Amino acid sequence: MINPSSQYAHSVTGLFDVPAETAFAFMADPIALGQWSLGCMNTQPTKTASIHSGHSLFDGAQGFFEIDTDPERLIVDYRLGSPERLVPRVSARVVPADICGLGKEQCYVTLTAWRATDMDDVRWHRLCVTHEAEIYLIKSQCEASYRWT
């Protein structure tokens, strides 16, 4: 079945005033994620080197994630779930300036989430509106950290 609405996936894009490489490094940083991801705040490493955890601002639940990066394509996959089973349900893609004719220190950052079949409508809606807010947090924090360097 094909559905053009956001019933199965959701994407949000922001225009960032930083070079693509800066945005990519920010999106790939698991500790930075703990400052913008409302569902996984205050991230910390776990005993497993590549896995981090944080807590949801919504209900305090502990979440686990692992970050897979593709620096050549400027894609970051966030694998979410339990430490025993992490699946790539959220992805970030950074689009460099030259692809869309942006200024040399600009890029687009897109967050995409895919809906799990066990996610009810209320939880899915919360995820979608959360990503709408998070793109503003990401943009502000990424641009601020770039200006400080």
N, C-alpha and C. Protein backbone atom coordinates (compact mmCIF):
# COMPACT_ATOMS: atom_id res chain seq x y z
N MET A 1 0.84 -1.18 0.00
CA MET A 1 0.00 0.00 0.00
C MET A 1 0.88 1.24 0.00
N ILE A 2 0.48 2.22 -0.76
CA ILE A 2 1.20 3.49 -0.81
C ILE A 2 0.31 4.55 -0.19
N ASN A 3 0.88 5.32 0.72
CA ASN A 3 0.13 6.39 1.38
C ASN A 3 1.00 7.64 1.35
N PRO A 4 0.55 8.69 0.65
CA PRO A 4 1.37 9.90 0.54
C PRO A 4 1.42 10.73 1.82
N SER A 5 0.62 10.38 2.82
CA SER A 5 0.65 11.14 4.07
C SER A 5 1.77 10.65 4.96
N SER A 6 1.80 11.16 6.17
CA SER A 6 2.86 10.79 7.11
C SER A 6 2.48 9.58 7.96
N GLN A 7 1.63 8.71 7.45
CA GLN A 7 1.20 7.54 8.22
C GLN A 7 2.35 6.54 8.42
N TYR A 8 3.31 6.48 7.50
CA TYR A 8 4.37 5.48 7.57
C TYR A 8 5.76 6.06 7.82
N ALA A 9 5.97 7.29 7.39
CA ALA A 9 7.27 7.94 7.57
C ALA A 9 7.04 9.44 7.73
N HIS A 10 8.00 10.08 8.36
CA HIS A 10 7.92 11.52 8.56
C HIS A 10 9.30 12.12 8.34
N SER A 11 9.35 13.24 7.62
CA SER A 11 10.61 13.95 7.39
C SER A 11 10.43 15.43 7.69
N VAL A 12 11.50 16.01 8.20
CA VAL A 12 11.53 17.44 8.45
C VAL A 12 12.93 17.94 8.07
N THR A 13 12.99 19.10 7.43
CA THR A 13 14.27 19.63 6.94
C THR A 13 14.47 21.05 7.45
N GLY A 14 15.72 21.34 7.80
CA GLY A 14 16.09 22.70 8.20
C GLY A 14 17.24 23.20 7.36
N LEU A 15 17.28 24.50 7.13
CA LEU A 15 18.40 25.17 6.47
C LEU A 15 19.36 25.61 7.55
N PHE A 16 20.58 25.10 7.53
CA PHE A 16 21.58 25.39 8.56
C PHE A 16 22.63 26.32 7.99
N ASP A 17 23.08 27.26 8.80
CA ASP A 17 24.14 28.18 8.40
C ASP A 17 25.49 27.69 8.92
N VAL A 18 25.83 26.49 8.49
CA VAL A 18 27.13 25.86 8.78
C VAL A 18 27.50 25.01 7.57
N PRO A 19 28.78 24.72 7.37
CA PRO A 19 29.16 23.80 6.30
C PRO A 19 28.59 22.40 6.56
N ALA A 20 28.39 21.65 5.52
CA ALA A 20 27.81 20.31 5.62
C ALA A 20 28.62 19.41 6.55
N GLU A 21 29.94 19.51 6.50
CA GLU A 21 30.78 18.65 7.33
C GLU A 21 30.56 18.94 8.82
N THR A 22 30.32 20.19 9.15
CA THR A 22 30.04 20.58 10.54
C THR A 22 28.72 19.99 11.00
N ALA A 23 27.70 20.10 10.17
CA ALA A 23 26.38 19.55 10.51
C ALA A 23 26.46 18.03 10.64
N PHE A 24 27.18 17.38 9.74
CA PHE A 24 27.31 15.93 9.80
C PHE A 24 27.99 15.50 11.10
N ALA A 25 29.06 16.17 11.48
CA ALA A 25 29.76 15.83 12.72
C ALA A 25 28.84 16.02 13.93
N PHE A 26 28.05 17.08 13.92
CA PHE A 26 27.12 17.33 15.01
C PHE A 26 26.07 16.22 15.08
N MET A 27 25.51 15.84 13.95
CA MET A 27 24.47 14.81 13.93
C MET A 27 25.02 13.44 14.31
N ALA A 28 26.31 13.21 14.11
CA ALA A 28 26.94 11.93 14.43
C ALA A 28 27.45 11.85 15.86
N ASP A 29 27.33 12.92 16.62
CA ASP A 29 27.86 12.97 17.98
C ASP A 29 26.80 12.48 18.98
N PRO A 30 27.04 11.34 19.63
CA PRO A 30 26.03 10.79 20.54
C PRO A 30 25.80 11.65 21.79
N ILE A 31 26.78 12.39 22.22
CA ILE A 31 26.60 13.25 23.38
C ILE A 31 25.80 14.50 23.00
N ALA A 32 26.05 15.06 21.81
CA ALA A 32 25.24 16.18 21.33
C ALA A 32 23.78 15.76 21.18
N LEU A 33 23.53 14.53 20.76
CA LEU A 33 22.17 14.03 20.62
C LEU A 33 21.41 14.16 21.94
N GLY A 34 22.09 13.97 23.03
CA GLY A 34 21.48 14.06 24.35
C GLY A 34 21.05 15.45 24.74
N GLN A 35 21.36 16.45 23.90
CA GLN A 35 20.95 17.83 24.16
C GLN A 35 19.78 18.26 23.27
N TRP A 36 19.49 17.47 22.22
CA TRP A 36 18.39 17.87 21.33
C TRP A 36 17.31 16.81 21.18
N SER A 37 17.61 15.56 21.44
CA SER A 37 16.61 14.49 21.26
C SER A 37 15.72 14.40 22.49
N LEU A 38 14.50 14.88 22.37
CA LEU A 38 13.57 14.91 23.50
C LEU A 38 13.24 13.52 24.01
N GLY A 39 13.40 12.52 23.17
CA GLY A 39 13.14 11.14 23.58
C GLY A 39 14.35 10.44 24.15
N CYS A 40 15.50 11.12 24.19
CA CYS A 40 16.73 10.47 24.67
C CYS A 40 17.71 11.54 25.18
N MET A 41 17.31 12.23 26.23
CA MET A 41 18.11 13.34 26.77
C MET A 41 19.26 12.84 27.64
N ASN A 42 20.27 13.70 27.78
CA ASN A 42 21.41 13.44 28.67
C ASN A 42 22.06 12.09 28.40
N THR A 43 22.45 11.89 27.17
CA THR A 43 23.01 10.60 26.77
C THR A 43 24.33 10.29 27.47
N GLN A 44 24.52 9.01 27.68
CA GLN A 44 25.73 8.49 28.33
C GLN A 44 26.14 7.21 27.62
N PRO A 45 27.43 6.92 27.57
CA PRO A 45 27.86 5.63 27.03
C PRO A 45 27.39 4.50 27.95
N THR A 46 27.20 3.33 27.37
CA THR A 46 26.89 2.14 28.14
C THR A 46 28.14 1.28 28.23
N LYS A 47 28.02 0.10 28.79
CA LYS A 47 29.16 -0.81 28.88
C LYS A 47 29.59 -1.32 27.51
N THR A 48 28.67 -1.28 26.55
CA THR A 48 28.99 -1.66 25.17
C THR A 48 29.45 -0.40 24.45
N ALA A 49 30.65 -0.43 23.92
CA ALA A 49 31.33 0.77 23.40
C ALA A 49 30.48 1.63 22.46
N SER A 50 29.78 1.06 21.53
CA SER A 50 29.08 1.86 20.52
C SER A 50 27.65 2.23 20.91
N ILE A 51 27.16 1.72 22.03
CA ILE A 51 25.77 1.96 22.43
C ILE A 51 25.72 3.02 23.52
N HIS A 52 24.77 3.94 23.37
CA HIS A 52 24.54 5.00 24.34
C HIS A 52 23.10 4.91 24.83
N SER A 53 22.83 5.55 25.96
CA SER A 53 21.46 5.59 26.47
C SER A 53 21.14 7.00 26.95
N GLY A 54 19.87 7.27 27.04
CA GLY A 54 19.37 8.54 27.56
C GLY A 54 17.96 8.32 28.05
N HIS A 55 17.31 9.39 28.49
CA HIS A 55 15.97 9.28 29.05
C HIS A 55 14.99 10.23 28.37
N SER A 56 13.79 9.75 28.18
CA SER A 56 12.73 10.53 27.53
C SER A 56 12.24 11.64 28.45
N LEU A 57 12.09 12.83 27.89
CA LEU A 57 11.47 13.92 28.63
C LEU A 57 9.98 13.69 28.82
N PHE A 58 9.40 12.82 28.02
CA PHE A 58 7.97 12.57 28.09
C PHE A 58 7.59 11.71 29.29
N ASP A 59 8.28 10.58 29.45
CA ASP A 59 7.89 9.66 30.52
C ASP A 59 9.07 9.13 31.35
N GLY A 60 10.26 9.64 31.07
CA GLY A 60 11.44 9.21 31.83
C GLY A 60 12.00 7.87 31.42
N ALA A 61 11.39 7.21 30.45
CA ALA A 61 11.85 5.89 30.03
C ALA A 61 13.28 5.96 29.49
N GLN A 62 14.06 4.93 29.79
CA GLN A 62 15.42 4.85 29.27
C GLN A 62 15.38 4.32 27.85
N GLY A 63 16.12 4.97 26.97
CA GLY A 63 16.23 4.54 25.58
C GLY A 63 17.67 4.23 25.24
N PHE A 64 17.86 3.36 24.28
CA PHE A 64 19.19 2.97 23.84
C PHE A 64 19.32 3.24 22.35
N PHE A 65 20.53 3.63 21.93
CA PHE A 65 20.76 3.87 20.51
C PHE A 65 22.22 3.63 20.17
N GLU A 66 22.43 3.43 18.88
CA GLU A 66 23.76 3.29 18.29
C GLU A 66 23.74 4.12 17.02
N ILE A 67 24.85 4.75 16.70
CA ILE A 67 24.92 5.61 15.53
C ILE A 67 25.79 4.96 14.46
N ASP A 68 25.22 4.82 13.26
CA ASP A 68 25.96 4.35 12.08
C ASP A 68 26.11 5.54 11.14
N THR A 69 27.33 5.78 10.66
CA THR A 69 27.54 6.93 9.78
C THR A 69 28.07 6.51 8.42
N ASP A 70 27.73 7.30 7.44
CA ASP A 70 28.27 7.17 6.09
C ASP A 70 28.81 8.55 5.71
N PRO A 71 30.09 8.83 6.09
CA PRO A 71 30.65 10.17 5.85
C PRO A 71 30.69 10.58 4.38
N GLU A 72 30.84 9.62 3.50
CA GLU A 72 30.91 9.94 2.08
C GLU A 72 29.58 10.50 1.57
N ARG A 73 28.47 9.93 2.06
CA ARG A 73 27.14 10.36 1.63
C ARG A 73 26.48 11.32 2.62
N LEU A 74 27.15 11.59 3.75
CA LEU A 74 26.65 12.48 4.79
C LEU A 74 25.31 12.01 5.36
N ILE A 75 25.25 10.70 5.66
CA ILE A 75 24.05 10.08 6.22
C ILE A 75 24.38 9.52 7.60
N VAL A 76 23.48 9.74 8.54
CA VAL A 76 23.60 9.21 9.89
C VAL A 76 22.35 8.38 10.16
N ASP A 77 22.54 7.12 10.50
CA ASP A 77 21.43 6.26 10.90
C ASP A 77 21.47 6.08 12.40
N TYR A 78 20.31 6.28 13.03
CA TYR A 78 20.18 6.07 14.47
C TYR A 78 19.44 4.75 14.68
N ARG A 79 20.18 3.81 15.23
CA ARG A 79 19.60 2.48 15.51
C ARG A 79 19.05 2.53 16.93
N LEU A 80 17.75 2.28 17.07
CA LEU A 80 17.04 2.44 18.33
C LEU A 80 16.48 1.12 18.82
N GLY A 81 16.26 1.03 20.13
CA GLY A 81 15.62 -0.15 20.71
C GLY A 81 16.29 -0.56 22.00
N SER A 82 16.35 -1.86 22.19
CA SER A 82 17.03 -2.41 23.37
C SER A 82 18.47 -2.72 22.99
N PRO A 83 19.37 -2.83 23.97
CA PRO A 83 20.77 -3.12 23.64
C PRO A 83 20.92 -4.41 22.84
N GLU A 84 19.99 -5.34 23.01
CA GLU A 84 20.05 -6.62 22.29
C GLU A 84 19.50 -6.52 20.87
N ARG A 85 18.66 -5.52 20.61
CA ARG A 85 18.04 -5.40 19.28
C ARG A 85 17.84 -3.93 18.93
N LEU A 86 18.79 -3.39 18.21
CA LEU A 86 18.73 -2.00 17.75
C LEU A 86 18.43 -1.98 16.25
N VAL A 87 17.42 -1.21 15.86
CA VAL A 87 17.03 -1.15 14.44
C VAL A 87 17.11 0.29 13.94
N PRO A 88 17.48 0.48 12.66
CA PRO A 88 17.62 1.83 12.10
C PRO A 88 16.26 2.46 11.77
N ARG A 89 15.67 3.17 12.74
CA ARG A 89 14.33 3.75 12.55
C ARG A 89 14.35 5.24 12.31
N VAL A 90 15.46 5.90 12.58
CA VAL A 90 15.57 7.35 12.33
C VAL A 90 16.88 7.58 11.58
N SER A 91 16.83 8.50 10.62
CA SER A 91 18.02 8.80 9.83
C SER A 91 18.12 10.31 9.65
N ALA A 92 19.35 10.78 9.55
CA ALA A 92 19.61 12.19 9.22
C ALA A 92 20.44 12.23 7.94
N ARG A 93 20.09 13.12 7.08
CA ARG A 93 20.86 13.31 5.85
C ARG A 93 21.23 14.78 5.74
N VAL A 94 22.49 15.02 5.47
CA VAL A 94 22.99 16.38 5.29
C VAL A 94 23.20 16.60 3.80
N VAL A 95 22.64 17.67 3.28
CA VAL A 95 22.76 17.99 1.85
C VAL A 95 23.68 19.20 1.73
N PRO A 96 24.85 19.02 1.10
CA PRO A 96 25.82 20.11 0.99
C PRO A 96 25.31 21.27 0.12
N ALA A 97 25.93 22.42 0.31
CA ALA A 97 25.53 23.66 -0.37
C ALA A 97 25.46 23.51 -1.88
N ASP A 98 26.46 22.88 -2.48
CA ASP A 98 26.53 22.84 -3.94
C ASP A 98 25.41 22.02 -4.58
N ILE A 99 24.79 21.12 -3.84
CA ILE A 99 23.70 20.30 -4.40
C ILE A 99 22.48 21.15 -4.73
N CYS A 100 22.18 22.12 -3.87
CA CYS A 100 20.97 22.93 -4.03
C CYS A 100 21.24 24.41 -4.25
N GLY A 101 22.50 24.78 -4.49
CA GLY A 101 22.83 26.17 -4.76
C GLY A 101 22.80 27.07 -3.54
N LEU A 102 23.08 26.50 -2.39
CA LEU A 102 23.10 27.29 -1.15
C LEU A 102 24.42 28.04 -1.03
N GLY A 103 24.51 28.92 -0.02
CA GLY A 103 25.77 29.60 0.28
C GLY A 103 26.81 28.58 0.72
N LYS A 104 28.10 28.92 0.58
CA LYS A 104 29.16 27.94 0.84
C LYS A 104 29.18 27.43 2.28
N GLU A 105 28.66 28.19 3.22
CA GLU A 105 28.59 27.74 4.62
C GLU A 105 27.15 27.48 5.03
N GLN A 106 26.41 26.81 4.13
CA GLN A 106 25.04 26.41 4.40
C GLN A 106 24.84 24.96 3.98
N CYS A 107 23.81 24.35 4.53
CA CYS A 107 23.43 23.00 4.13
C CYS A 107 22.00 22.75 4.59
N TYR A 108 21.39 21.71 4.06
CA TYR A 108 20.11 21.24 4.55
C TYR A 108 20.38 20.03 5.44
N VAL A 109 19.60 19.89 6.51
CA VAL A 109 19.62 18.69 7.34
C VAL A 109 18.20 18.17 7.40
N THR A 110 18.03 16.91 7.05
CA THR A 110 16.72 16.27 7.07
C THR A 110 16.72 15.12 8.05
N LEU A 111 15.73 15.10 8.92
CA LEU A 111 15.48 13.97 9.81
C LEU A 111 14.32 13.17 9.24
N THR A 112 14.47 11.87 9.14
CA THR A 112 13.40 10.99 8.67
C THR A 112 13.20 9.89 9.69
N ALA A 113 11.95 9.63 10.02
CA ALA A 113 11.59 8.53 10.93
C ALA A 113 10.61 7.61 10.23
N TRP A 114 10.75 6.32 10.49
CA TRP A 114 9.83 5.33 9.95
C TRP A 114 9.02 4.75 11.10
N ARG A 115 7.73 4.59 10.87
CA ARG A 115 6.81 4.13 11.90
C ARG A 115 6.90 2.61 12.07
N ALA A 116 7.04 2.18 13.32
CA ALA A 116 6.99 0.75 13.64
C ALA A 116 5.52 0.32 13.69
N THR A 117 5.25 -0.91 13.37
CA THR A 117 3.86 -1.38 13.32
C THR A 117 3.19 -1.41 14.69
N ASP A 118 3.97 -1.44 15.76
CA ASP A 118 3.37 -1.46 17.10
C ASP A 118 3.14 -0.05 17.67
N MET A 119 3.38 0.98 16.87
CA MET A 119 3.25 2.36 17.32
C MET A 119 1.82 2.85 17.06
N ASP A 120 1.09 3.18 18.13
CA ASP A 120 -0.28 3.66 17.93
C ASP A 120 -0.26 5.09 17.39
N ASP A 121 -1.44 5.58 16.99
CA ASP A 121 -1.53 6.90 16.37
C ASP A 121 -1.05 8.02 17.28
N VAL A 122 -1.35 7.94 18.56
CA VAL A 122 -0.93 8.98 19.50
C VAL A 122 0.59 9.04 19.60
N ARG A 123 1.22 7.89 19.74
CA ARG A 123 2.69 7.85 19.83
C ARG A 123 3.34 8.33 18.53
N TRP A 124 2.79 7.92 17.40
CA TRP A 124 3.32 8.35 16.10
C TRP A 124 3.20 9.87 15.95
N HIS A 125 2.05 10.42 16.31
CA HIS A 125 1.86 11.87 16.22
C HIS A 125 2.87 12.58 17.12
N ARG A 126 3.08 12.07 18.32
CA ARG A 126 4.06 12.67 19.24
C ARG A 126 5.45 12.65 18.62
N LEU A 127 5.84 11.55 17.98
CA LEU A 127 7.15 11.48 17.34
C LEU A 127 7.26 12.52 16.23
N CYS A 128 6.22 12.66 15.43
CA CYS A 128 6.26 13.62 14.31
C CYS A 128 6.41 15.05 14.82
N VAL A 129 5.60 15.45 15.80
CA VAL A 129 5.70 16.83 16.29
C VAL A 129 7.00 17.04 17.06
N THR A 130 7.50 15.99 17.68
CA THR A 130 8.79 16.10 18.37
C THR A 130 9.90 16.39 17.38
N HIS A 131 9.91 15.69 16.24
CA HIS A 131 10.93 15.96 15.23
C HIS A 131 10.81 17.37 14.67
N GLU A 132 9.59 17.88 14.58
CA GLU A 132 9.39 19.26 14.13
C GLU A 132 10.09 20.23 15.09
N ALA A 133 10.01 19.97 16.39
CA ALA A 133 10.68 20.82 17.38
C ALA A 133 12.18 20.56 17.39
N GLU A 134 12.57 19.30 17.29
CA GLU A 134 13.98 18.95 17.39
C GLU A 134 14.83 19.57 16.29
N ILE A 135 14.27 19.74 15.09
CA ILE A 135 15.08 20.32 14.02
C ILE A 135 15.49 21.75 14.37
N TYR A 136 14.65 22.47 15.12
CA TYR A 136 15.01 23.81 15.59
C TYR A 136 16.11 23.74 16.65
N LEU A 137 16.01 22.77 17.56
CA LEU A 137 17.06 22.60 18.57
C LEU A 137 18.39 22.24 17.90
N ILE A 138 18.35 21.33 16.95
CA ILE A 138 19.56 20.90 16.24
C ILE A 138 20.19 22.09 15.53
N LYS A 139 19.38 22.82 14.79
CA LYS A 139 19.88 23.99 14.04
C LYS A 139 20.54 24.99 14.99
N SER A 140 19.85 25.36 16.05
CA SER A 140 20.38 26.36 16.99
C SER A 140 21.67 25.89 17.64
N GLN A 141 21.69 24.67 18.12
CA GLN A 141 22.87 24.15 18.81
C GLN A 141 24.04 23.95 17.86
N CYS A 142 23.78 23.45 16.68
CA CYS A 142 24.85 23.23 15.70
C CYS A 142 25.45 24.56 15.27
N GLU A 143 24.61 25.53 14.96
CA GLU A 143 25.11 26.85 14.55
C GLU A 143 25.87 27.54 15.68
N ALA A 144 25.38 27.41 16.91
CA ALA A 144 26.07 28.03 18.05
C ALA A 144 27.44 27.39 18.25
N SER A 145 27.52 26.09 18.17
CA SER A 145 28.82 25.43 18.37
C SER A 145 29.80 25.79 17.24
N TYR A 146 29.29 26.01 16.03
CA TYR A 146 30.14 26.41 14.92
C TYR A 146 30.69 27.81 15.13
N ARG A 147 29.86 28.71 15.62
CA ARG A 147 30.31 30.09 15.87
C ARG A 147 31.36 30.15 16.99
N TRP A 148 31.30 29.21 17.92
CA TRP A 148 32.24 29.21 19.06
C TRP A 148 33.60 28.67 18.68
N THR A 149 33.71 28.02 17.52
CA THR A 149 35.00 27.43 17.14
C THR A 149 35.85 28.42 16.38
